[in-house]
């Protein structure tokens, strides 16, 4: 997996891009990471 991607300050609380209303982001596109073992997929 990867760290990096769409920053938290790029989206609102619903994961919608603040610069493009109506466009949302999810999954590994977002800037977070987690170990394997069920955390990543959850």
ModelCIF file with pLDDT and N, C-alpha, C, O atoms, coordinates in Angstrom:
data_MODEL
#
_entry.id   MODEL 
#
_entity.id                         1 
_entity.type                       polymer 
_entity.pdbx_number_of_molecules   1 
#
_entity_poly.entity_id                      1 
_entity_poly.type                           'polypeptide(L)' 
_entity_poly.nstd_linkage                   no 
_entity_poly.nstd_monomer                   no 
_entity_poly.pdbx_seq_one_letter_code       
;(UNK)(UNK)(UNK)(UNK)(UNK)(UNK)(UNK)(UNK)(UNK)(UNK)(UNK)(UNK)(UNK)(UNK)(UNK)(UNK)
(UNK)(UNK)(UNK)(UNK)(UNK)(UNK)(UNK)(UNK)(UNK)(UNK)(UNK)(UNK)(UNK)(UNK)(UNK)(UNK)
(UNK)(UNK)(UNK)(UNK)(UNK)(UNK)(UNK)(UNK)(UNK)(UNK)
;
_entity_poly.pdbx_seq_one_letter_code_can   XXXXXXXXXXXXXXXXXXXXXXXXXXXXXXXXXXXXXXXXXX 
_entity_poly.pdbx_strand_id                 A 
#
loop_
_entity_poly_seq.entity_id 
_entity_poly_seq.num 
_entity_poly_seq.mon_id 
_entity_poly_seq.hetero 
1 1  UNK n 
1 2  UNK n 
1 3  UNK n 
1 4  UNK n 
1 5  UNK n 
1 6  UNK n 
1 7  UNK n 
1 8  UNK n 
1 9  UNK n 
1 10 UNK n 
1 11 UNK n 
1 12 UNK n 
1 13 UNK n 
1 14 UNK n 
1 15 UNK n 
1 16 UNK n 
1 17 UNK n 
1 18 UNK n 
1 19 UNK n 
1 20 UNK n 
1 21 UNK n 
1 22 UNK n 
1 23 UNK n 
1 24 UNK n 
1 25 UNK n 
1 26 UNK n 
1 27 UNK n 
1 28 UNK n 
1 29 UNK n 
1 30 UNK n 
1 31 UNK n 
1 32 UNK n 
1 33 UNK n 
1 34 UNK n 
1 35 UNK n 
1 36 UNK n 
1 37 UNK n 
1 38 UNK n 
1 39 UNK n 
1 40 UNK n 
1 41 UNK n 
1 42 UNK n 
#
_struct_asym.id          A 
_struct_asym.entity_id   1 
#
loop_
_ma_qa_metric.id 
_ma_qa_metric.mode 
_ma_qa_metric.name 
_ma_qa_metric.software_group_id 
_ma_qa_metric.type 
1 global pLDDT . pLDDT 
2 local  pLDDT . pLDDT 
#
_ma_qa_metric_global.metric_id      1 
_ma_qa_metric_global.metric_value   96.52 
_ma_qa_metric_global.model_id       1 
_ma_qa_metric_global.ordinal_id     1 
#
loop_
_ma_qa_metric_local.label_asym_id 
_ma_qa_metric_local.label_comp_id 
_ma_qa_metric_local.label_seq_id 
_ma_qa_metric_local.metric_id 
_ma_qa_metric_local.metric_value 
_ma_qa_metric_local.model_id 
_ma_qa_metric_local.ordinal_id 
A UNK 1  2 94.00 1 1  
A UNK 2  2 94.00 1 2  
A UNK 3  2 95.00 1 3  
A UNK 4  2 97.00 1 4  
A UNK 5  2 98.00 1 5  
A UNK 6  2 98.00 1 6  
A UNK 7  2 98.00 1 7  
A UNK 8  2 98.00 1 8  
A UNK 9  2 97.00 1 9  
A UNK 10 2 98.00 1 10 
A UNK 11 2 98.00 1 11 
A UNK 12 2 98.00 1 12 
A UNK 13 2 98.00 1 13 
A UNK 14 2 98.00 1 14 
A UNK 15 2 98.00 1 15 
A UNK 16 2 98.00 1 16 
A UNK 17 2 98.00 1 17 
A UNK 18 2 97.00 1 18 
A UNK 19 2 96.00 1 19 
A UNK 20 2 96.00 1 20 
A UNK 21 2 97.00 1 21 
A UNK 22 2 97.00 1 22 
A UNK 23 2 98.00 1 23 
A UNK 24 2 98.00 1 24 
A UNK 25 2 98.00 1 25 
A UNK 26 2 98.00 1 26 
A UNK 27 2 98.00 1 27 
A UNK 28 2 97.00 1 28 
A UNK 29 2 98.00 1 29 
A UNK 30 2 98.00 1 30 
A UNK 31 2 98.00 1 31 
A UNK 32 2 97.00 1 32 
A UNK 33 2 96.00 1 33 
A UNK 34 2 94.00 1 34 
A UNK 35 2 91.00 1 35 
A UNK 36 2 90.00 1 36 
A UNK 37 2 90.00 1 37 
A UNK 38 2 94.00 1 38 
A UNK 39 2 96.00 1 39 
A UNK 40 2 95.00 1 40 
A UNK 41 2 96.00 1 41 
A UNK 42 2 98.00 1 42 
#
loop_
_atom_site.group_PDB 
_atom_site.id 
_atom_site.type_symbol 
_atom_site.label_atom_id 
_atom_site.label_alt_id 
_atom_site.label_comp_id 
_atom_site.label_asym_id 
_atom_site.label_entity_id 
_atom_site.label_seq_id 
_atom_site.pdbx_PDB_ins_code 
_atom_site.Cartn_x 
_atom_site.Cartn_y 
_atom_site.Cartn_z 
_atom_site.occupancy 
_atom_site.B_iso_or_equiv 
_atom_site.pdbx_formal_charge 
_atom_site.auth_seq_id 
_atom_site.auth_comp_id 
_atom_site.auth_asym_id 
_atom_site.auth_atom_id 
_atom_site.pdbx_PDB_model_num 
ATOM 1   N N  . UNK A 1 1  ? 0.846   -1.182 0.000  1.00 94.00 ? 1  UNK A N  1 
ATOM 2   C CA . UNK A 1 1  ? 0.000   0.000  0.000  1.00 94.00 ? 1  UNK A CA 1 
ATOM 3   C C  . UNK A 1 1  ? 0.887   1.240  0.000  1.00 94.00 ? 1  UNK A C  1 
ATOM 4   O O  . UNK A 1 1  ? 2.114   1.141  -0.004 1.00 94.00 ? 1  UNK A O  1 
ATOM 5   N N  . UNK A 1 2  ? 0.251   2.402  0.005  1.00 94.00 ? 2  UNK A N  1 
ATOM 6   C CA . UNK A 1 2  ? 1.015   3.640  -0.031 1.00 94.00 ? 2  UNK A CA 1 
ATOM 7   C C  . UNK A 1 2  ? 0.515   4.619  1.019  1.00 94.00 ? 2  UNK A C  1 
ATOM 8   O O  . UNK A 1 2  ? -0.665  4.640  1.369  1.00 94.00 ? 2  UNK A O  1 
ATOM 9   N N  . UNK A 1 3  ? 1.442   5.425  1.507  1.00 95.00 ? 3  UNK A N  1 
ATOM 10  C CA . UNK A 1 3  ? 1.091   6.625  2.249  1.00 95.00 ? 3  UNK A CA 1 
ATOM 11  C C  . UNK A 1 3  ? 1.017   7.763  1.235  1.00 95.00 ? 3  UNK A C  1 
ATOM 12  O O  . UNK A 1 3  ? 1.467   7.628  0.097  1.00 95.00 ? 3  UNK A O  1 
ATOM 13  N N  . UNK A 1 4  ? 0.448   8.875  1.663  1.00 97.00 ? 4  UNK A N  1 
ATOM 14  C CA . UNK A 1 4  ? 0.309   10.002 0.747  1.00 97.00 ? 4  UNK A CA 1 
ATOM 15  C C  . UNK A 1 4  ? -1.015  9.966  -0.007 1.00 97.00 ? 4  UNK A C  1 
ATOM 16  O O  . UNK A 1 4  ? -1.794  9.021  0.115  1.00 97.00 ? 4  UNK A O  1 
ATOM 17  N N  . UNK A 1 5  ? -1.247  11.007 -0.780 1.00 98.00 ? 5  UNK A N  1 
ATOM 18  C CA . UNK A 1 5  ? -2.484  11.118 -1.535 1.00 98.00 ? 5  UNK A CA 1 
ATOM 19  C C  . UNK A 1 5  ? -3.232  12.381 -1.175 1.00 98.00 ? 5  UNK A C  1 
ATOM 20  O O  . UNK A 1 5  ? -2.625  13.379 -0.785 1.00 98.00 ? 5  UNK A O  1 
ATOM 21  N N  . UNK A 1 6  ? -4.552  12.344 -1.305 1.00 98.00 ? 6  UNK A N  1 
ATOM 22  C CA . UNK A 1 6  ? -5.390  13.520 -1.054 1.00 98.00 ? 6  UNK A CA 1 
ATOM 23  C C  . UNK A 1 6  ? -5.336  13.888 0.424  1.00 98.00 ? 6  UNK A C  1 
ATOM 24  O O  . UNK A 1 6  ? -5.678  13.077 1.285  1.00 98.00 ? 6  UNK A O  1 
ATOM 25  N N  . UNK A 1 7  ? -4.912  15.096 0.709  1.00 98.00 ? 7  UNK A N  1 
ATOM 26  C CA . UNK A 1 7  ? -4.722  15.540 2.097  1.00 98.00 ? 7  UNK A CA 1 
ATOM 27  C C  . UNK A 1 7  ? -6.052  15.763 2.797  1.00 98.00 ? 7  UNK A C  1 
ATOM 28  O O  . UNK A 1 7  ? -7.076  16.015 2.162  1.00 98.00 ? 7  UNK A O  1 
ATOM 29  N N  . UNK A 1 8  ? -6.013  15.665 4.119  1.00 98.00 ? 8  UNK A N  1 
ATOM 30  C CA . UNK A 1 8  ? -7.228  15.874 4.897  1.00 98.00 ? 8  UNK A CA 1 
ATOM 31  C C  . UNK A 1 8  ? -7.795  17.267 4.665  1.00 98.00 ? 8  UNK A C  1 
ATOM 32  O O  . UNK A 1 8  ? -9.013  17.448 4.639  1.00 98.00 ? 8  UNK A O  1 
ATOM 33  N N  . UNK A 1 9  ? -6.912  18.255 4.494  1.00 97.00 ? 9  UNK A N  1 
ATOM 34  C CA . UNK A 1 9  ? -7.409  19.615 4.312  1.00 97.00 ? 9  UNK A CA 1 
ATOM 35  C C  . UNK A 1 9  ? -7.948  19.871 2.911  1.00 97.00 ? 9  UNK A C  1 
ATOM 36  O O  . UNK A 1 9  ? -8.363  20.989 2.602  1.00 97.00 ? 9  UNK A O  1 
ATOM 37  N N  . UNK A 1 10 ? -7.947  18.838 2.052  1.00 98.00 ? 10 UNK A N  1 
ATOM 38  C CA . UNK A 1 10 ? -8.510  18.970 0.701  1.00 98.00 ? 10 UNK A CA 1 
ATOM 39  C C  . UNK A 1 10 ? -9.982  18.601 0.653  1.00 98.00 ? 10 UNK A C  1 
ATOM 40  O O  . UNK A 1 10 ? -10.666 18.880 -0.333 1.00 98.00 ? 10 UNK A O  1 
ATOM 41  N N  . UNK A 1 11 ? -10.474 17.971 1.723  1.00 98.00 ? 11 UNK A N  1 
ATOM 42  C CA . UNK A 1 11 ? -11.848 17.465 1.722  1.00 98.00 ? 11 UNK A CA 1 
ATOM 43  C C  . UNK A 1 11 ? -12.596 17.949 2.956  1.00 98.00 ? 11 UNK A C  1 
ATOM 44  O O  . UNK A 1 11 ? -11.991 18.343 3.953  1.00 98.00 ? 11 UNK A O  1 
ATOM 45  N N  . UNK A 1 12 ? -13.937 17.912 2.871  1.00 98.00 ? 12 UNK A N  1 
ATOM 46  C CA . UNK A 1 12 ? -14.744 18.257 4.031  1.00 98.00 ? 12 UNK A CA 1 
ATOM 47  C C  . UNK A 1 12 ? -15.001 17.010 4.863  1.00 98.00 ? 12 UNK A C  1 
ATOM 48  O O  . UNK A 1 12 ? -14.396 15.967 4.616  1.00 98.00 ? 12 UNK A O  1 
ATOM 49  N N  . UNK A 1 13 ? -15.877 17.103 5.830  1.00 98.00 ? 13 UNK A N  1 
ATOM 50  C CA . UNK A 1 13 ? -16.133 15.968 6.712  1.00 98.00 ? 13 UNK A CA 1 
ATOM 51  C C  . UNK A 1 13 ? -16.788 14.788 6.007  1.00 98.00 ? 13 UNK A C  1 
ATOM 52  O O  . UNK A 1 13 ? -16.779 13.673 6.529  1.00 98.00 ? 13 UNK A O  1 
ATOM 53  N N  . UNK A 1 14 ? -17.354 15.021 4.830  1.00 98.00 ? 14 UNK A N  1 
ATOM 54  C CA . UNK A 1 14 ? -17.952 13.942 4.046  1.00 98.00 ? 14 UNK A CA 1 
ATOM 55  C C  . UNK A 1 14 ? -17.038 13.416 2.966  1.00 98.00 ? 14 UNK A C  1 
ATOM 56  O O  . UNK A 1 14 ? -17.469 12.648 2.106  1.00 98.00 ? 14 UNK A O  1 
ATOM 57  N N  . UNK A 1 15 ? -15.757 13.827 2.998  1.00 98.00 ? 15 UNK A N  1 
ATOM 58  C CA . UNK A 1 15 ? -14.741 13.430 2.008  1.00 98.00 ? 15 UNK A CA 1 
ATOM 59  C C  . UNK A 1 15 ? -15.012 14.024 0.631  1.00 98.00 ? 15 UNK A C  1 
ATOM 60  O O  . UNK A 1 15 ? -14.590 13.464 -0.381 1.00 98.00 ? 15 UNK A O  1 
ATOM 61  N N  . UNK A 1 16 ? -15.712 15.154 0.587  1.00 98.00 ? 16 UNK A N  1 
ATOM 62  C CA . UNK A 1 16 ? -15.916 15.862 -0.672 1.00 98.00 ? 16 UNK A CA 1 
ATOM 63  C C  . UNK A 1 16 ? -14.802 16.883 -0.875 1.00 98.00 ? 16 UNK A C  1 
ATOM 64  O O  . UNK A 1 16 ? -14.434 17.609 0.049  1.00 98.00 ? 16 UNK A O  1 
ATOM 65  N N  . UNK A 1 17 ? -14.267 16.930 -2.097 1.00 98.00 ? 17 UNK A N  1 
ATOM 66  C CA . UNK A 1 17 ? -13.227 17.904 -2.418 1.00 98.00 ? 17 UNK A CA 1 
ATOM 67  C C  . UNK A 1 17 ? -13.797 19.308 -2.260 1.00 98.00 ? 17 UNK A C  1 
ATOM 68  O O  . UNK A 1 17 ? -14.826 19.632 -2.853 1.00 98.00 ? 17 UNK A O  1 
ATOM 69  N N  . UNK A 1 18 ? -13.141 20.134 -1.474 1.00 97.00 ? 18 UNK A N  1 
ATOM 70  C CA . UNK A 1 18 ? -13.656 21.483 -1.253 1.00 97.00 ? 18 UNK A CA 1 
ATOM 71  C C  . UNK A 1 18 ? -13.533 22.340 -2.507 1.00 97.00 ? 18 UNK A C  1 
ATOM 72  O O  . UNK A 1 18 ? -14.290 23.295 -2.682 1.00 97.00 ? 18 UNK A O  1 
ATOM 73  N N  . UNK A 1 19 ? -12.587 22.007 -3.378 1.00 96.00 ? 19 UNK A N  1 
ATOM 74  C CA . UNK A 1 19 ? -12.419 22.798 -4.599 1.00 96.00 ? 19 UNK A CA 1 
ATOM 75  C C  . UNK A 1 19 ? -13.292 22.289 -5.746 1.00 96.00 ? 19 UNK A C  1 
ATOM 76  O O  . UNK A 1 19 ? -13.375 22.932 -6.792 1.00 96.00 ? 19 UNK A O  1 
ATOM 77  N N  . UNK A 1 20 ? -13.956 21.115 -5.552 1.00 96.00 ? 20 UNK A N  1 
ATOM 78  C CA . UNK A 1 20 ? -14.853 20.590 -6.581 1.00 96.00 ? 20 UNK A CA 1 
ATOM 79  C C  . UNK A 1 20 ? -16.093 20.009 -5.907 1.00 96.00 ? 20 UNK A C  1 
ATOM 80  O O  . UNK A 1 20 ? -16.170 18.797 -5.706 1.00 96.00 ? 20 UNK A O  1 
ATOM 81  N N  . UNK A 1 21 ? -17.055 20.846 -5.558 1.00 97.00 ? 21 UNK A N  1 
ATOM 82  C CA . UNK A 1 21 ? -18.277 20.344 -4.923 1.00 97.00 ? 21 UNK A CA 1 
ATOM 83  C C  . UNK A 1 21 ? -18.933 19.252 -5.777 1.00 97.00 ? 21 UNK A C  1 
ATOM 84  O O  . UNK A 1 21 ? -19.048 19.368 -6.997 1.00 97.00 ? 21 UNK A O  1 
ATOM 85  N N  . UNK A 1 22 ? -19.359 18.187 -5.087 1.00 97.00 ? 22 UNK A N  1 
ATOM 86  C CA . UNK A 1 22 ? -19.974 17.064 -5.784 1.00 97.00 ? 22 UNK A CA 1 
ATOM 87  C C  . UNK A 1 22 ? -19.005 15.955 -6.136 1.00 97.00 ? 22 UNK A C  1 
ATOM 88  O O  . UNK A 1 22 ? -19.415 14.917 -6.657 1.00 97.00 ? 22 UNK A O  1 
ATOM 89  N N  . UNK A 1 23 ? -17.705 16.159 -5.857 1.00 98.00 ? 23 UNK A N  1 
ATOM 90  C CA . UNK A 1 23 ? -16.697 15.127 -6.110 1.00 98.00 ? 23 UNK A CA 1 
ATOM 91  C C  . UNK A 1 23 ? -16.108 14.665 -4.781 1.00 98.00 ? 23 UNK A C  1 
ATOM 92  O O  . UNK A 1 23 ? -15.601 15.472 -4.003 1.00 98.00 ? 23 UNK A O  1 
ATOM 93  N N  . UNK A 1 24 ? -16.180 13.369 -4.531 1.00 98.00 ? 24 UNK A N  1 
ATOM 94  C CA . UNK A 1 24 ? -15.751 12.773 -3.272 1.00 98.00 ? 24 UNK A CA 1 
ATOM 95  C C  . UNK A 1 24 ? -14.571 11.834 -3.518 1.00 98.00 ? 24 UNK A C  1 
ATOM 96  O O  . UNK A 1 24 ? -14.383 11.347 -4.633 1.00 98.00 ? 24 UNK A O  1 
ATOM 97  N N  . UNK A 1 25 ? -13.791 11.584 -2.490 1.00 98.00 ? 25 UNK A N  1 
ATOM 98  C CA . UNK A 1 25 ? -12.643 10.681 -2.587 1.00 98.00 ? 25 UNK A CA 1 
ATOM 99  C C  . UNK A 1 25 ? -12.731 9.628  -1.483 1.00 98.00 ? 25 UNK A C  1 
ATOM 100 O O  . UNK A 1 25 ? -13.279 9.880  -0.410 1.00 98.00 ? 25 UNK A O  1 
ATOM 101 N N  . UNK A 1 26 ? -12.178 8.439  -1.766 1.00 98.00 ? 26 UNK A N  1 
ATOM 102 C CA . UNK A 1 26 ? -12.248 7.353  -0.785 1.00 98.00 ? 26 UNK A CA 1 
ATOM 103 C C  . UNK A 1 26 ? -11.086 6.393  -0.974 1.00 98.00 ? 26 UNK A C  1 
ATOM 104 O O  . UNK A 1 26 ? -10.409 6.394  -2.003 1.00 98.00 ? 26 UNK A O  1 
ATOM 105 N N  . UNK A 1 27 ? -10.875 5.572  0.051  1.00 98.00 ? 27 UNK A N  1 
ATOM 106 C CA . UNK A 1 27 ? -9.886  4.496  -0.028 1.00 98.00 ? 27 UNK A CA 1 
ATOM 107 C C  . UNK A 1 27 ? -8.461  4.998  0.037  1.00 98.00 ? 27 UNK A C  1 
ATOM 108 O O  . UNK A 1 27 ? -8.164  5.988  0.707  1.00 98.00 ? 27 UNK A O  1 
ATOM 109 N N  . UNK A 1 28 ? -7.585  4.304  -0.666 1.00 97.00 ? 28 UNK A N  1 
ATOM 110 C CA . UNK A 1 28 ? -6.158  4.627  -0.611 1.00 97.00 ? 28 UNK A CA 1 
ATOM 111 C C  . UNK A 1 28 ? -5.792  5.895  -1.351 1.00 97.00 ? 28 UNK A C  1 
ATOM 112 O O  . UNK A 1 28 ? -4.633  6.309  -1.313 1.00 97.00 ? 28 UNK A O  1 
ATOM 113 N N  . UNK A 1 29 ? -6.743  6.526  -2.023 1.00 98.00 ? 29 UNK A N  1 
ATOM 114 C CA . UNK A 1 29 ? -6.470  7.847  -2.597 1.00 98.00 ? 29 UNK A CA 1 
ATOM 115 C C  . UNK A 1 29 ? -6.226  8.874  -1.499 1.00 98.00 ? 29 UNK A C  1 
ATOM 116 O O  . UNK A 1 29 ? -5.544  9.875  -1.718 1.00 98.00 ? 29 UNK A O  1 
ATOM 117 N N  . UNK A 1 30 ? -6.779  8.628  -0.328 1.00 98.00 ? 30 UNK A N  1 
ATOM 118 C CA . UNK A 1 30 ? -6.634  9.552  0.789  1.00 98.00 ? 30 UNK A CA 1 
ATOM 119 C C  . UNK A 1 30 ? -5.297  9.346  1.495  1.00 98.00 ? 30 UNK A C  1 
ATOM 120 O O  . UNK A 1 30 ? -4.720  8.259  1.448  1.00 98.00 ? 30 UNK A O  1 
ATOM 121 N N  . UNK A 1 31 ? -4.817  10.389 2.143  1.00 98.00 ? 31 UNK A N  1 
ATOM 122 C CA . UNK A 1 31 ? -3.505  10.346 2.805  1.00 98.00 ? 31 UNK A CA 1 
ATOM 123 C C  . UNK A 1 31 ? -3.611  9.716  4.187  1.00 98.00 ? 31 UNK A C  1 
ATOM 124 O O  . UNK A 1 31 ? -3.703  10.420 5.193  1.00 98.00 ? 31 UNK A O  1 
ATOM 125 N N  . UNK A 1 32 ? -3.598  8.389  4.230  1.00 97.00 ? 32 UNK A N  1 
ATOM 126 C CA . UNK A 1 32 ? -3.536  7.632  5.477  1.00 97.00 ? 32 UNK A CA 1 
ATOM 127 C C  . UNK A 1 32 ? -2.816  6.328  5.170  1.00 97.00 ? 32 UNK A C  1 
ATOM 128 O O  . UNK A 1 32 ? -2.652  5.965  4.005  1.00 97.00 ? 32 UNK A O  1 
ATOM 129 N N  . UNK A 1 33 ? -2.397  5.642  6.181  1.00 96.00 ? 33 UNK A N  1 
ATOM 130 C CA . UNK A 1 33 ? -1.800  4.325  6.001  1.00 96.00 ? 33 UNK A CA 1 
ATOM 131 C C  . UNK A 1 33 ? -2.090  3.484  7.231  1.00 96.00 ? 33 UNK A C  1 
ATOM 132 O O  . UNK A 1 33 ? -2.377  4.007  8.308  1.00 96.00 ? 33 UNK A O  1 
ATOM 133 N N  . UNK A 1 34 ? -2.012  2.186  7.055  1.00 94.00 ? 34 UNK A N  1 
ATOM 134 C CA . UNK A 1 34 ? -2.264  1.249  8.144  1.00 94.00 ? 34 UNK A CA 1 
ATOM 135 C C  . UNK A 1 34 ? -1.552  -0.050 7.829  1.00 94.00 ? 34 UNK A C  1 
ATOM 136 O O  . UNK A 1 34 ? -1.312  -0.357 6.661  1.00 94.00 ? 34 UNK A O  1 
ATOM 137 N N  . UNK A 1 35 ? -1.211  -0.818 8.852  1.00 91.00 ? 35 UNK A N  1 
ATOM 138 C CA . UNK A 1 35 ? -0.582  -2.119 8.586  1.00 91.00 ? 35 UNK A CA 1 
ATOM 139 C C  . UNK A 1 35 ? -1.576  -3.109 8.009  1.00 91.00 ? 35 UNK A C  1 
ATOM 140 O O  . UNK A 1 35 ? -2.789  -2.925 8.104  1.00 91.00 ? 35 UNK A O  1 
ATOM 141 N N  . UNK A 1 36 ? -1.040  -4.159 7.411  1.00 90.00 ? 36 UNK A N  1 
ATOM 142 C CA . UNK A 1 36 ? -1.883  -5.264 6.999  1.00 90.00 ? 36 UNK A CA 1 
ATOM 143 C C  . UNK A 1 36 ? -2.406  -5.966 8.257  1.00 90.00 ? 36 UNK A C  1 
ATOM 144 O O  . UNK A 1 36 ? -2.019  -5.623 9.374  1.00 90.00 ? 36 UNK A O  1 
ATOM 145 N N  . UNK A 1 37 ? -3.269  -6.930 8.067  1.00 90.00 ? 37 UNK A N  1 
ATOM 146 C CA . UNK A 1 37 ? -3.836  -7.611 9.218  1.00 90.00 ? 37 UNK A CA 1 
ATOM 147 C C  . UNK A 1 37 ? -5.299  -7.274 9.414  1.00 90.00 ? 37 UNK A C  1 
ATOM 148 O O  . UNK A 1 37 ? -5.865  -7.512 10.481 1.00 90.00 ? 37 UNK A O  1 
ATOM 149 N N  . UNK A 1 38 ? -5.920  -6.710 8.359  1.00 94.00 ? 38 UNK A N  1 
ATOM 150 C CA . UNK A 1 38 ? -7.321  -6.356 8.410  1.00 94.00 ? 38 UNK A CA 1 
ATOM 151 C C  . UNK A 1 38 ? -7.582  -4.871 8.542  1.00 94.00 ? 38 UNK A C  1 
ATOM 152 O O  . UNK A 1 38 ? -8.684  -4.407 8.251  1.00 94.00 ? 38 UNK A O  1 
ATOM 153 N N  . UNK A 1 39 ? -6.575  -4.111 8.979  1.00 96.00 ? 39 UNK A N  1 
ATOM 154 C CA . UNK A 1 39 ? -6.751  -2.673 9.165  1.00 96.00 ? 39 UNK A CA 1 
ATOM 155 C C  . UNK A 1 39 ? -6.908  -1.952 7.831  1.00 96.00 ? 39 UNK A C  1 
ATOM 156 O O  . UNK A 1 39 ? -7.782  -1.100 7.670  1.00 96.00 ? 39 UNK A O  1 
ATOM 157 N N  . UNK A 1 40 ? -6.058  -2.301 6.889  1.00 95.00 ? 40 UNK A N  1 
ATOM 158 C CA . UNK A 1 40 ? -6.045  -1.638 5.589  1.00 95.00 ? 40 UNK A CA 1 
ATOM 159 C C  . UNK A 1 40 ? -7.376  -1.822 4.863  1.00 95.00 ? 40 UNK A C  1 
ATOM 160 O O  . UNK A 1 40 ? -7.961  -0.851 4.383  1.00 95.00 ? 40 UNK A O  1 
ATOM 161 N N  . UNK A 1 41 ? -7.852  -3.052 4.782  1.00 96.00 ? 41 UNK A N  1 
ATOM 162 C CA . UNK A 1 41 ? -9.085  -3.329 4.054  1.00 96.00 ? 41 UNK A CA 1 
ATOM 163 C C  . UNK A 1 41 ? -10.292 -2.723 4.766  1.00 96.00 ? 41 UNK A C  1 
ATOM 164 O O  . UNK A 1 41 ? -11.178 -2.174 4.111  1.00 96.00 ? 41 UNK A O  1 
ATOM 165 N N  . UNK A 1 42 ? -10.341 -2.814 6.085  1.00 98.00 ? 42 UNK A N  1 
ATOM 166 C CA . UNK A 1 42 ? -11.458 -2.233 6.827  1.00 98.00 ? 42 UNK A CA 1 
ATOM 167 C C  . UNK A 1 42 ? -11.570 -0.742 6.555  1.00 98.00 ? 42 UNK A C  1 
ATOM 168 O O  . UNK A 1 42 ? -12.457 -0.081 7.095  1.00 98.00 ? 42 UNK A O  1 
#
